[in-house]
Amino acid sequence: MTKDNKKKLLAQRHVYSRMNFLFQASNLMAEGNQAKLAAYYGKVCRNVGTKTVMHMAPALKRSLCRRCSLPLLPGVNAELQVAGEPKHPKGATPPEASSNGEAKTKKKRHRRRRKKPEKSDETKESRTSSGPPETERICLFLECSLCQSRRSFPADNRGDCWLEQPQSVVQVVSLPGENGQR
């Protein structure tokens, strides 16, 4: 390692320790029913990482509210709900739609999708007949008590985050000050 790399790692270490302290302070204030102060510490933790161009761990990002940066602790300052949504094949109407065409309206943002080129009828029929059976999708919802925003988390284990998988680790770097080394 060159001197420049060591200096950079030490600077990053200082930033990580500051972010760690702010996150712990935010959790402590959230448990002590001081939601506004906890949200402030969470926002400062996020800002420190943003300004120094450091990435926060995915688990840490998931535990903060996207809107107000309050640490979401189920039962303390967030309400946890479990909901199952049955998947419907394309073209089928969901069971909650009434016969006269009136359906429940949901406020949902939809991304604009590109139109795919149409394929022959033979390939369409083979895809629909050989597809896997439709299953129920279960989601966990956390609702923030401060700003009432909701976060949804799919409860299946197929969608694990890449950074949490063992094959994503390329190299582990340890600094001389760690593990009792000096």
Protein backbone atom coordinates (compact mmCIF):
# COMPACT_ATOMS: atom_id res chain seq x y z
CA MET A 1 0.00 0.00 0.00
CA THR A 2 1.20 3.46 -0.79
CA LYS A 3 1.02 6.40 1.58
CA ASP A 4 -1.84 7.96 -0.40
CA ASN A 5 -3.98 4.82 -0.06
CA LYS A 6 -3.28 4.62 3.69
CA LYS A 7 -4.27 8.26 4.16
CA LYS A 8 -7.47 7.71 2.18
CA LEU A 9 -8.39 4.63 4.24
CA LEU A 10 -7.75 6.50 7.47
CA ALA A 11 -9.93 9.38 6.31
CA GLN A 12 -12.68 6.93 5.35
CA ARG A 13 -12.33 5.24 8.72
CA HIS A 14 -12.92 8.56 10.46
CA VAL A 15 -16.04 9.18 8.36
CA TYR A 16 -17.37 5.68 9.02
CA SER A 17 -16.87 6.10 12.77
CA ARG A 18 -18.73 9.43 12.67
CA MET A 19 -21.59 7.90 10.69
CA ASN A 20 -21.69 4.97 13.14
CA PHE A 21 -21.88 7.35 16.11
CA LEU A 22 -24.69 9.39 14.52
CA PHE A 23 -26.66 6.26 13.63
CA GLN A 24 -26.33 4.90 17.18
CA ALA A 25 -27.37 8.27 18.62
CA SER A 26 -30.36 8.31 16.28
CA ASN A 27 -31.45 4.83 17.44
CA LEU A 28 -31.00 5.79 21.09
CA MET A 29 -33.13 8.93 20.70
CA ALA A 30 -35.81 6.96 18.83
CA GLU A 31 -36.05 4.45 21.66
CA GLY A 32 -36.28 7.34 24.14
CA ASN A 33 -39.36 8.79 22.35
CA GLN A 34 -37.52 11.82 20.98
CA ALA A 35 -38.51 11.33 17.36
CA LYS A 36 -37.54 14.75 15.99
CA LEU A 37 -34.04 14.57 17.45
CA ALA A 38 -33.65 11.00 16.18
CA ALA A 39 -34.73 12.09 12.69
CA TYR A 40 -32.22 14.97 12.83
CA TYR A 41 -29.34 12.61 13.73
CA GLY A 42 -30.43 10.21 10.99
CA LYS A 43 -30.47 13.03 8.44
CA VAL A 44 -27.00 14.22 9.55
CA CYS A 45 -25.70 10.63 9.24
CA ARG A 46 -27.06 10.45 5.71
CA ASN A 47 -25.62 13.87 4.83
CA VAL A 48 -22.14 12.92 6.10
CA GLY A 49 -22.13 9.89 3.83
CA THR A 50 -23.41 11.89 0.87
CA LYS A 51 -20.91 14.73 1.23
CA THR A 52 -17.93 12.41 1.49
CA VAL A 53 -19.21 10.17 -1.32
CA MET A 54 -19.32 7.12 0.96
CA HIS A 55 -21.86 4.36 0.52
CA MET A 56 -24.06 3.37 3.44
CA ALA A 57 -24.66 -0.32 4.03
CA PRO A 58 -27.99 -1.53 2.57
CA ALA A 59 -29.22 -2.73 5.97
CA LEU A 60 -28.54 0.71 7.42
CA LYS A 61 -30.39 2.41 4.56
CA ARG A 62 -33.39 0.10 5.01
CA SER A 63 -33.66 0.91 8.70
CA LEU A 64 -34.07 4.68 8.06
CA CYS A 65 -37.24 6.33 6.80
CA ARG A 66 -36.76 7.62 3.25
CA ARG A 67 -38.61 10.86 3.89
CA CYS A 68 -37.65 12.01 7.40
CA SER A 69 -34.61 9.73 8.20
CA LEU A 70 -36.15 8.47 11.44
CA PRO A 71 -34.86 4.99 12.39
CA LEU A 72 -37.80 2.65 11.86
CA LEU A 73 -38.19 0.49 14.96
CA PRO A 74 -41.33 -1.69 14.77
CA GLY A 75 -43.51 -1.26 17.85
CA VAL A 76 -41.63 1.84 19.01
CA ASN A 77 -42.04 4.44 16.27
CA ALA A 78 -43.19 2.42 13.27
CA GLU A 79 -46.17 0.21 12.61
CA LEU A 80 -45.47 -3.17 11.00
CA GLN A 81 -48.09 -4.71 8.73
CA VAL A 82 -48.03 -7.93 6.74
CA ALA A 83 -50.04 -8.04 3.52
CA GLY A 84 -50.42 -10.68 0.86
CA GLU A 85 -51.13 -9.68 -2.72
CA PRO A 86 -52.22 -12.43 -5.10
CA LYS A 87 -50.62 -12.23 -8.54
CA HIS A 88 -53.02 -12.17 -11.45
CA PRO A 89 -52.23 -13.11 -15.02
CA LYS A 90 -52.22 -10.26 -17.53
CA GLY A 91 -55.68 -9.40 -18.80
CA ALA A 92 -57.52 -10.89 -15.81
CA THR A 93 -59.44 -8.59 -13.52
CA PRO A 94 -58.59 -8.62 -9.84
CA PRO A 95 -61.28 -9.99 -7.48
CA GLU A 96 -61.83 -6.60 -5.79
CA ALA A 97 -63.07 -5.07 -9.07
CA SER A 98 -66.85 -4.93 -9.18
CA SER A 99 -68.95 -6.15 -12.09
CA ASN A 100 -69.90 -2.65 -13.26
CA GLY A 101 -66.27 -1.77 -14.00
CA GLU A 102 -65.60 0.32 -10.90
CA ALA A 103 -62.33 -0.64 -9.25
CA LYS A 104 -60.60 0.68 -6.17
CA THR A 105 -58.23 3.45 -7.08
CA LYS A 106 -54.75 3.34 -5.69
CA LYS A 107 -52.30 6.17 -5.70
CA LYS A 108 -49.26 4.58 -7.25
CA ARG A 109 -46.45 5.95 -9.33
CA HIS A 110 -45.88 4.04 -12.52
CA ARG A 111 -42.76 4.23 -14.60
CA ARG A 112 -43.11 4.63 -18.31
CA ARG A 113 -42.41 1.30 -19.95
CA ARG A 114 -40.97 0.81 -23.38
CA LYS A 115 -43.05 -1.09 -25.85
CA LYS A 116 -41.44 -4.39 -26.71
CA PRO A 117 -41.60 -5.61 -30.27
CA GLU A 118 -44.44 -8.05 -30.74
CA LYS A 119 -43.48 -11.65 -31.35
CA SER A 120 -45.34 -14.35 -33.19
CA ASP A 121 -48.43 -15.98 -31.69
CA GLU A 122 -46.64 -19.31 -31.23
CA THR A 123 -44.10 -17.89 -28.78
CA LYS A 124 -46.83 -16.08 -26.81
CA GLU A 125 -48.83 -19.31 -26.40
CA SER A 126 -45.78 -21.31 -25.33
CA ARG A 127 -44.86 -18.69 -22.68
CA THR A 128 -48.32 -18.60 -21.11
CA SER A 129 -48.79 -22.36 -21.00
CA SER A 130 -45.33 -23.25 -19.69
CA GLY A 131 -45.10 -20.46 -17.09
CA PRO A 132 -44.84 -21.19 -13.38
CA PRO A 133 -48.06 -21.30 -11.37
CA GLU A 134 -49.14 -17.93 -9.95
CA THR A 135 -48.33 -17.62 -6.25
CA GLU A 136 -49.15 -15.16 -3.54
CA ARG A 137 -46.64 -12.36 -2.95
CA ILE A 138 -46.21 -11.37 0.69
CA CYS A 139 -44.97 -7.89 1.61
CA LEU A 140 -44.04 -6.27 4.89
CA PHE A 141 -45.03 -2.63 5.32
CA LEU A 142 -43.42 -0.24 7.80
CA GLU A 143 -45.28 3.02 8.41
CA CYS A 144 -43.31 5.86 10.00
CA SER A 145 -45.05 7.51 12.95
CA LEU A 146 -43.46 10.91 12.30
CA CYS A 147 -44.24 11.47 8.59
CA GLN A 148 -46.69 8.59 7.88
CA SER A 149 -44.67 7.37 4.89
CA ARG A 150 -44.74 3.64 4.11
CA ARG A 151 -41.93 1.36 3.03
CA SER A 152 -42.62 -2.04 1.56
CA PHE A 153 -40.27 -4.97 1.72
CA PRO A 154 -40.89 -8.17 -0.25
CA ALA A 155 -40.84 -11.18 2.06
CA ASP A 156 -39.38 -13.64 -0.44
CA ASN A 157 -35.77 -14.71 -0.19
CA ARG A 158 -35.16 -14.64 -3.96
CA GLY A 159 -34.57 -10.87 -4.01
CA ASP A 160 -31.60 -10.62 -1.69
CA CYS A 161 -29.44 -7.56 -2.04
CA TRP A 162 -26.23 -8.20 -3.99
CA LEU A 163 -24.03 -6.68 -1.26
CA GLU A 164 -25.42 -9.17 1.26
CA GLN A 165 -24.45 -12.20 -0.80
CA PRO A 166 -21.07 -13.87 -0.10
CA GLN A 167 -19.93 -13.85 -3.74
CA SER A 168 -20.02 -10.03 -3.78
CA VAL A 169 -16.99 -9.76 -1.45
CA VAL A 170 -13.88 -9.32 -3.53
CA GLN A 171 -11.29 -8.35 -0.93
CA VAL A 172 -11.23 -7.70 2.80
CA VAL A 173 -8.92 -4.88 3.85
CA SER A 174 -7.82 -4.52 7.46
CA LEU A 175 -6.05 -1.50 8.85
CA PRO A 176 -3.03 -1.78 11.16
CA GLY A 177 -4.99 -0.36 14.15
CA GLU A 178 -7.60 -3.14 14.06
CA ASN A 179 -7.51 -6.45 15.95
CA GLY A 180 -5.01 -5.22 18.54
CA GLN A 181 -2.25 -4.60 15.98
CA ARG A 182 -0.22 -1.42 16.29
